[in-house]
Protein backbone atom coordinates (compact mmCIF):
# COMPACT_ATOMS: atom_id res chain seq x y z
CA MET A 1 -76.41 72.97 -12.64
CA GLU A 2 -73.38 72.35 -14.73
CA ASN A 3 -69.75 71.41 -13.43
CA SER A 4 -67.30 73.97 -14.03
CA ASN A 5 -64.67 73.04 -16.62
CA PHE A 6 -61.24 75.06 -17.48
CA LEU A 7 -61.95 74.48 -21.11
CA ALA A 8 -64.94 75.94 -21.02
CA PRO A 9 -64.50 80.08 -20.33
CA THR A 10 -67.54 81.82 -19.82
CA LYS A 11 -66.36 84.83 -22.29
CA ASN A 12 -64.12 85.07 -24.96
CA ARG A 13 -60.96 86.41 -23.43
CA TYR A 14 -59.25 86.87 -27.09
CA GLY A 15 -61.42 90.04 -28.28
CA LYS A 16 -62.79 89.91 -31.66
CA THR A 17 -61.08 86.59 -32.68
CA ASP A 18 -63.00 83.28 -31.76
CA LEU A 19 -60.55 80.87 -30.77
CA LEU A 20 -62.63 77.71 -31.39
CA LEU A 21 -63.28 78.85 -34.65
CA ILE A 22 -59.62 79.19 -35.49
CA ILE A 23 -59.02 75.84 -34.46
CA LEU A 24 -61.92 74.32 -36.11
CA LEU A 25 -60.62 75.98 -39.24
CA LEU A 26 -57.29 74.85 -38.94
CA TYR A 27 -58.80 71.04 -38.76
CA GLY A 28 -60.73 71.77 -41.74
CA MET A 29 -64.05 71.29 -39.75
CA ILE A 30 -65.58 74.85 -39.86
CA PRO A 31 -69.46 74.88 -40.68
CA GLU A 32 -70.47 77.11 -43.40
CA LYS A 33 -72.44 79.11 -41.20
CA GLY A 34 -69.22 79.87 -38.94
CA CYS A 35 -69.41 78.86 -35.34
CA GLY A 36 -72.82 79.95 -34.55
CA LYS A 37 -73.98 78.30 -30.98
CA LEU A 38 -71.22 75.87 -31.04
CA LYS A 39 -68.97 75.43 -27.99
CA ILE A 40 -66.17 73.82 -26.75
CA GLN A 41 -68.37 71.93 -24.11
CA HIS A 42 -70.63 70.46 -27.05
CA ILE A 43 -67.47 68.64 -28.49
CA GLN A 44 -66.30 67.64 -24.88
CA TYR A 45 -69.78 66.08 -24.40
CA ALA A 46 -69.57 64.09 -27.72
CA LEU A 47 -66.26 62.79 -26.77
CA GLU A 48 -67.63 61.87 -23.29
CA ILE A 49 -70.67 59.88 -25.07
CA ALA A 50 -68.44 58.44 -27.16
CA GLN A 51 -66.42 57.07 -24.25
CA THR A 52 -69.06 55.98 -22.20
CA GLY A 53 -71.27 54.39 -25.11
CA SER A 54 -74.28 56.40 -23.23
CA ILE A 55 -75.73 59.38 -23.04
CA SER A 56 -77.44 58.86 -19.71
CA LYS A 57 -73.81 57.45 -18.12
CA ALA A 58 -72.10 60.46 -19.88
CA ALA A 59 -74.57 62.93 -18.17
CA ASP A 60 -73.78 61.02 -14.87
CA ARG A 61 -69.97 61.40 -15.62
CA LEU A 62 -70.19 65.42 -16.25
CA LEU A 63 -72.53 66.00 -13.64
CA LEU A 64 -75.01 67.19 -16.08
CA SER A 65 -78.88 66.55 -16.67
CA GLN A 66 -79.69 64.21 -19.38
CA PRO A 67 -81.95 66.78 -21.16
CA ASN A 68 -78.97 69.17 -21.05
CA ILE A 69 -76.49 66.81 -22.73
CA SER A 70 -78.81 65.49 -25.22
CA SER A 71 -79.84 69.30 -25.77
CA ALA A 72 -76.04 70.10 -26.48
CA LEU A 73 -75.52 67.25 -28.82
CA ARG A 74 -78.25 68.06 -30.80
CA THR A 75 -76.92 71.53 -31.09
CA LEU A 76 -73.88 70.12 -32.12
CA GLU A 77 -75.05 67.96 -34.66
CA SER A 78 -77.05 70.93 -36.43
CA GLU A 79 -73.96 72.87 -36.37
CA LEU A 80 -71.81 70.40 -38.08
CA GLY A 81 -74.45 69.19 -40.69
CA PHE A 82 -74.55 65.37 -39.83
CA ALA A 83 -75.16 63.17 -36.94
CA ILE A 84 -72.25 61.90 -34.85
CA PHE A 85 -74.18 59.27 -33.12
CA GLN A 86 -77.20 56.70 -34.11
CA ARG A 87 -79.62 56.40 -30.85
CA SER A 88 -81.28 53.51 -29.93
CA ASN A 89 -82.98 51.89 -26.47
CA LYS A 90 -79.50 50.15 -26.20
CA GLY A 91 -77.70 53.37 -26.30
CA VAL A 92 -75.47 54.88 -28.87
CA THR A 93 -73.49 53.62 -31.83
CA ILE A 94 -71.23 56.34 -33.68
CA THR A 95 -71.85 56.99 -37.27
CA PRO A 96 -69.15 57.22 -40.22
CA GLU A 97 -69.37 60.54 -40.30
CA GLY A 98 -69.26 60.50 -36.11
CA GLN A 99 -65.80 58.48 -36.48
CA ARG A 100 -64.31 61.09 -38.41
CA PHE A 101 -65.67 63.65 -36.41
CA LEU A 102 -64.42 62.20 -33.17
CA ALA A 103 -61.12 61.49 -34.67
CA SER A 104 -60.30 65.06 -34.80
CA ALA A 105 -62.49 66.33 -31.99
CA ARG A 106 -60.01 65.25 -29.11
CA LYS A 107 -56.99 67.04 -30.83
CA ILE A 108 -59.46 69.93 -31.32
CA VAL A 109 -60.30 69.67 -27.30
CA GLU A 110 -56.49 69.39 -26.59
CA GLU A 111 -55.31 72.36 -28.55
CA TYR A 112 -58.02 74.50 -27.34
CA ARG A 113 -56.84 73.50 -23.72
CA GLN A 114 -53.18 74.36 -24.43
CA ILE A 115 -53.99 77.61 -26.03
CA THR A 116 -56.07 78.82 -22.67
CA GLN A 117 -53.51 77.61 -20.42
CA ILE A 118 -50.72 80.11 -21.76
CA LYS A 119 -51.66 82.85 -19.69
CA THR A 120 -51.91 80.98 -16.21
CA ASN A 121 -48.87 79.19 -17.16
CA ARG A 122 -50.50 76.33 -15.34
CA LYS A 123 -49.71 72.96 -17.09
CA SER A 124 -52.45 70.33 -17.80
CA HIS A 125 -52.12 66.27 -18.23
CA GLN A 126 -54.48 64.08 -20.32
CA PHE A 127 -53.78 60.87 -20.73
CA TYR A 128 -56.43 57.55 -21.58
CA LEU A 129 -54.52 54.29 -21.61
CA ALA A 130 -56.59 50.98 -22.32
CA ALA A 131 -54.84 47.83 -21.74
CA GLY A 132 -54.91 44.35 -20.75
CA TYR A 133 -54.10 42.70 -17.34
CA HIS A 134 -50.64 42.93 -15.98
CA SER A 135 -49.19 44.28 -12.82
CA ALA A 136 -46.50 45.76 -14.73
CA ILE A 137 -48.86 48.37 -16.87
CA GLU A 138 -50.41 49.21 -13.41
CA GLU A 139 -47.17 50.06 -11.44
CA ALA A 140 -46.15 52.01 -14.74
CA PHE A 141 -49.59 53.93 -14.74
CA SER A 142 -49.06 54.57 -11.09
CA ARG A 143 -45.66 56.05 -11.44
CA LEU A 144 -47.05 58.34 -14.25
CA CYS A 145 -49.63 59.83 -11.76
CA ALA A 146 -47.33 59.91 -9.08
CA GLU A 147 -45.06 62.23 -11.44
CA CYS A 148 -47.70 64.86 -11.93
CA PRO A 149 -47.19 68.03 -9.72
CA PRO A 150 -50.39 68.34 -7.50
CA ALA A 151 -50.60 72.04 -8.70
CA ASP A 152 -51.41 70.56 -12.34
CA ARG A 153 -54.90 69.47 -13.88
CA ILE A 154 -54.58 65.98 -14.39
CA ASP A 155 -57.14 63.86 -16.50
CA PHE A 156 -55.90 60.35 -16.63
CA LEU A 157 -57.89 57.10 -17.28
CA LEU A 158 -56.81 53.38 -17.34
CA THR A 159 -59.21 50.64 -18.60
CA ASN A 160 -58.75 47.37 -18.45
CA THR A 161 -60.36 44.81 -21.12
CA ASN A 162 -59.55 42.57 -23.96
CA ALA A 163 -57.54 42.78 -27.17
CA GLN A 164 -60.25 43.80 -29.48
CA GLU A 165 -61.48 46.47 -27.26
CA ILE A 166 -57.94 47.77 -26.93
CA ILE A 167 -57.98 48.46 -30.85
CA ASP A 168 -61.19 49.45 -30.97
CA ARG A 169 -60.48 52.18 -28.28
CA VAL A 170 -57.51 53.69 -29.41
CA TYR A 171 -59.18 53.62 -33.17
CA LEU A 172 -62.38 55.49 -32.20
CA ASN A 173 -59.94 58.11 -29.99
CA LYS A 174 -61.45 56.74 -26.75
CA SER A 175 -57.81 56.21 -25.67
CA ASN A 176 -54.66 57.55 -26.55
CA LEU A 177 -52.70 54.51 -26.42
CA GLY A 178 -53.33 50.71 -26.02
CA ILE A 179 -51.03 48.22 -24.48
CA LEU A 180 -51.52 44.44 -25.65
CA MET A 181 -50.69 41.18 -24.62
CA LEU A 182 -51.05 38.58 -27.40
CA PRO A 183 -50.05 34.97 -28.20
CA ALA A 184 -47.63 34.58 -31.44
CA GLU A 185 -50.46 33.05 -33.06
CA ASP A 186 -52.58 35.85 -32.81
CA MET A 187 -49.95 38.41 -34.06
CA GLY A 188 -50.48 38.01 -37.72
CA GLN A 189 -54.45 38.97 -37.85
CA PHE A 190 -53.41 41.71 -34.90
CA ARG A 191 -50.72 43.21 -37.43
CA SER A 192 -53.52 42.93 -40.21
CA ALA A 193 -56.37 44.70 -37.82
CA CYS A 194 -53.67 47.56 -36.98
CA ASP A 195 -52.87 48.07 -40.50
CA LYS A 196 -56.46 48.60 -41.59
CA ARG A 197 -57.05 50.82 -38.67
CA GLY A 198 -54.14 53.11 -39.37
CA LEU A 199 -52.43 52.04 -35.78
CA THR A 200 -48.87 52.17 -35.36
CA ARG A 201 -47.30 48.74 -33.38
CA LEU A 202 -44.22 49.12 -31.10
CA ASN A 203 -43.14 45.30 -29.38
CA ILE A 204 -42.12 45.84 -25.98
CA GLN A 205 -41.26 42.59 -24.40
CA LYS A 206 -41.94 39.03 -24.99
CA LEU A 207 -43.76 37.36 -21.64
CA LYS A 208 -43.45 33.99 -20.03
CA PHE A 209 -46.41 32.92 -18.39
CA TYR A 210 -46.60 30.88 -15.11
CA VAL A 211 -49.05 28.99 -12.92
CA ASN A 212 -49.84 31.06 -9.97
CA LEU A 213 -50.53 28.45 -6.60
CA ASN A 214 -50.09 29.32 -2.79
CA ARG A 215 -47.00 28.10 -0.88
CA ARG A 216 -49.52 25.26 0.65
CA HIS A 217 -50.96 23.64 -2.63
CA PRO A 218 -51.73 20.22 -2.47
CA LEU A 219 -50.11 19.37 -6.03
CA LEU A 220 -46.71 21.36 -4.56
CA GLN A 221 -46.31 18.55 -1.87
CA LYS A 222 -45.67 15.98 -4.57
CA PRO A 223 -42.44 14.78 -5.40
CA HIS A 224 -43.49 15.91 -9.42
CA PHE A 225 -45.36 18.70 -10.43
CA ASP A 226 -48.60 17.18 -12.53
CA PHE A 227 -50.17 20.29 -14.60
CA TYR A 228 -52.98 18.34 -15.55
CA ARG A 229 -53.88 17.51 -11.79
CA LEU A 230 -54.77 21.48 -11.87
CA ARG A 231 -58.19 20.42 -13.15
CA ASP A 232 -59.11 19.02 -9.97
CA TYR A 233 -59.10 22.77 -8.21
CA PRO A 234 -60.91 25.92 -9.33
CA PHE A 235 -59.47 28.57 -11.87
CA VAL A 236 -59.67 32.11 -11.09
CA ASP A 237 -59.99 34.21 -14.14
CA TYR A 238 -61.19 37.92 -15.07
CA GLY A 239 -64.94 38.66 -15.88
CA GLU A 240 -64.18 38.59 -19.66
CA LYS A 241 -62.01 35.37 -19.25
CA VAL A 242 -58.92 37.25 -20.57
CA LEU A 243 -56.43 35.02 -19.44
CA THR A 244 -57.93 31.97 -20.94
CA THR A 245 -60.16 33.28 -24.07
CA HIS A 246 -57.29 36.04 -24.85
CA MET A 247 -53.94 34.65 -24.02
CA GLY A 248 -53.73 31.45 -26.11
CA LEU A 249 -54.62 29.24 -23.28
CA THR A 250 -57.82 27.51 -24.74
CA HIS A 251 -55.78 25.05 -26.07
CA LEU A 252 -54.19 23.69 -22.54
CA ASP A 253 -55.80 20.97 -20.82
CA ILE A 254 -55.69 22.07 -17.50
CA ILE A 255 -58.94 24.31 -16.57
CA ASP A 256 -61.82 22.61 -15.74
CA PRO A 257 -64.95 24.82 -17.09
CA THR A 258 -67.22 23.98 -14.24
CA LYS A 259 -64.51 24.67 -11.53
CA ARG A 260 -64.12 28.83 -12.49
CA ILE A 261 -64.08 31.99 -10.55
CA LEU A 262 -64.56 35.24 -12.25
CA VAL A 263 -63.34 38.63 -10.41
CA GLY A 264 -63.12 42.21 -11.60
CA GLU A 265 -59.42 43.24 -10.55
CA ARG A 266 -56.04 41.94 -9.90
CA ASP A 267 -55.70 41.87 -6.03
CA THR A 268 -59.17 39.94 -5.50
CA ARG A 269 -57.74 37.21 -8.05
CA CYS A 270 -54.25 37.39 -6.29
CA TYR A 271 -55.61 37.24 -2.74
CA ILE A 272 -58.12 34.12 -3.95
CA VAL A 273 -55.14 32.19 -5.01
CA SER A 274 -52.98 33.20 -1.81
CA LEU A 275 -55.91 32.26 0.79
CA SER A 276 -57.21 28.85 -1.33
CA ASN A 277 -56.63 26.18 -3.50
CA ALA A 278 -57.50 27.51 -6.61
CA PHE A 279 -54.88 28.50 -9.13
CA SER A 280 -54.48 31.39 -11.67
CA ILE A 281 -52.32 31.87 -14.80
CA SER A 282 -50.13 34.83 -15.41
CA ALA A 283 -47.84 36.28 -17.82
CA GLY A 284 -45.08 36.89 -14.72
CA ILE A 285 -45.70 39.20 -11.29
CA HIS A 286 -44.30 42.70 -10.53
CA PRO A 287 -41.98 42.07 -7.49
CA ARG A 288 -44.23 45.15 -5.43
CA VAL A 289 -47.18 42.59 -6.36
CA SER A 290 -45.82 39.19 -5.53
CA GLU A 291 -43.89 40.15 -1.85
CA ARG A 292 -47.88 40.90 -0.89
CA TYR A 293 -48.94 37.38 -1.18
CA ASP A 294 -47.68 34.10 -0.06
CA TRP A 295 -47.76 32.30 -3.74
CA VAL A 296 -45.34 30.61 -5.97
CA ASN A 297 -45.03 30.93 -9.93
CA ILE A 298 -44.73 27.54 -12.00
CA PRO A 299 -43.12 27.97 -15.66
CA LEU A 300 -45.78 27.29 -18.44
CA PRO A 301 -43.77 25.45 -21.16
CA GLY A 302 -43.66 26.50 -24.10
CA ILE A 303 -46.25 29.35 -23.55
CA GLU A 304 -45.22 33.00 -24.42
CA SER A 305 -46.93 36.40 -25.14
CA GLN A 306 -45.58 39.39 -26.78
CA MET A 307 -46.55 42.94 -25.16
CA THR A 308 -47.17 45.54 -27.49
CA ALA A 309 -48.09 48.95 -27.68
CA VAL A 310 -50.52 50.76 -30.08
CA TRP A 311 -51.48 54.26 -31.17
CA ARG A 312 -53.02 56.36 -33.89
CA SER A 313 -51.15 56.86 -36.71
CA ASP A 314 -51.93 59.86 -37.90
CA GLN A 315 -51.70 61.75 -34.13
CA LYS A 316 -48.54 62.35 -32.44
CA GLN A 317 -47.88 60.96 -29.42
CA SER A 318 -48.22 63.17 -25.95
CA GLN A 319 -45.51 63.39 -23.78
CA GLU A 320 -47.66 61.41 -21.39
CA ALA A 321 -47.63 58.71 -23.46
CA LYS A 322 -44.24 59.02 -24.11
CA ARG A 323 -43.31 58.95 -20.57
CA TYR A 324 -45.49 56.15 -20.17
CA LEU A 325 -44.11 53.82 -22.42
CA ALA A 326 -40.42 54.70 -20.69
CA LEU A 327 -41.88 53.67 -17.34
CA LEU A 328 -43.51 50.43 -18.96
CA GLN A 329 -39.99 49.29 -20.23
CA GLU A 330 -38.55 50.02 -17.15
CA GLU A 331 -41.38 48.04 -15.20
CA ILE A 332 -41.73 45.33 -17.33
CA VAL A 333 -38.01 43.87 -17.07
CA LYS A 334 -38.71 43.52 -13.22
CA VAL A 335 -41.21 41.22 -13.91
CA THR A 336 -40.54 37.46 -12.96
């Protein structure tokens, strides 16, 4: 059974006027035959497939059977007159025509959502964020979630990943906003990548880097801290090796590649460091996080990262995205 969806009314509440037809017409995407069998759900399904990269994963998240969502996708592509996805055993890839369609599809769904909520006067919030790993990013996201009244409809998603994936997700409309942390030497390549994809950039804050150690670590018992001796101890990184590969730290000779612990999220990384002689590296820690762990931060001299926001230049920022950026700027200044 298909799940209920507030964007999918069971009947046309607007008389002879087809709301979806009007919105598609405004975006210059109306098929020659009219809407035909096309429904707003079909567009939502395509967005979910693009988000997950798989028809089966999209079906699981939408609580649909795979044959149902595959049939809906075929109907959508037939009505549009082009393929949105190229299918393979490894999943799906987006066609060039599909990229152009998906760029407008999220705006179409948002327009439909806003119009259908006029009658109920019930607010709806949608915000998809792709970001690097930083406690201030998560603090701001948590505050944004807490600000939404419980009676409102909420569709929020935070995806932590590497810089290239963040840019790709924003470009492909999988995320409304991206937050990256890049070393100075990568900024030129980053600006070029954004310009080619039509992305707007906003520098938020320069961040210093620190070595994270528990207070009882043997190296802290010495009269002088020896960074090179960190090689004698395990290094805790994220699964994609974000800290070493994507933070400009590959040139530092303090990490032994044979002593590496990979984790999936921040709290596990922090807990391992506070409980053992392993160490990690961060671009500062938010006080709400650092107060939970018995550790110290040793500044890494000469190492900085630029926190930057990106979004599509051809799309107006949502109120949720604007509010998130304001919250992030409040939280990042607390970081030490």
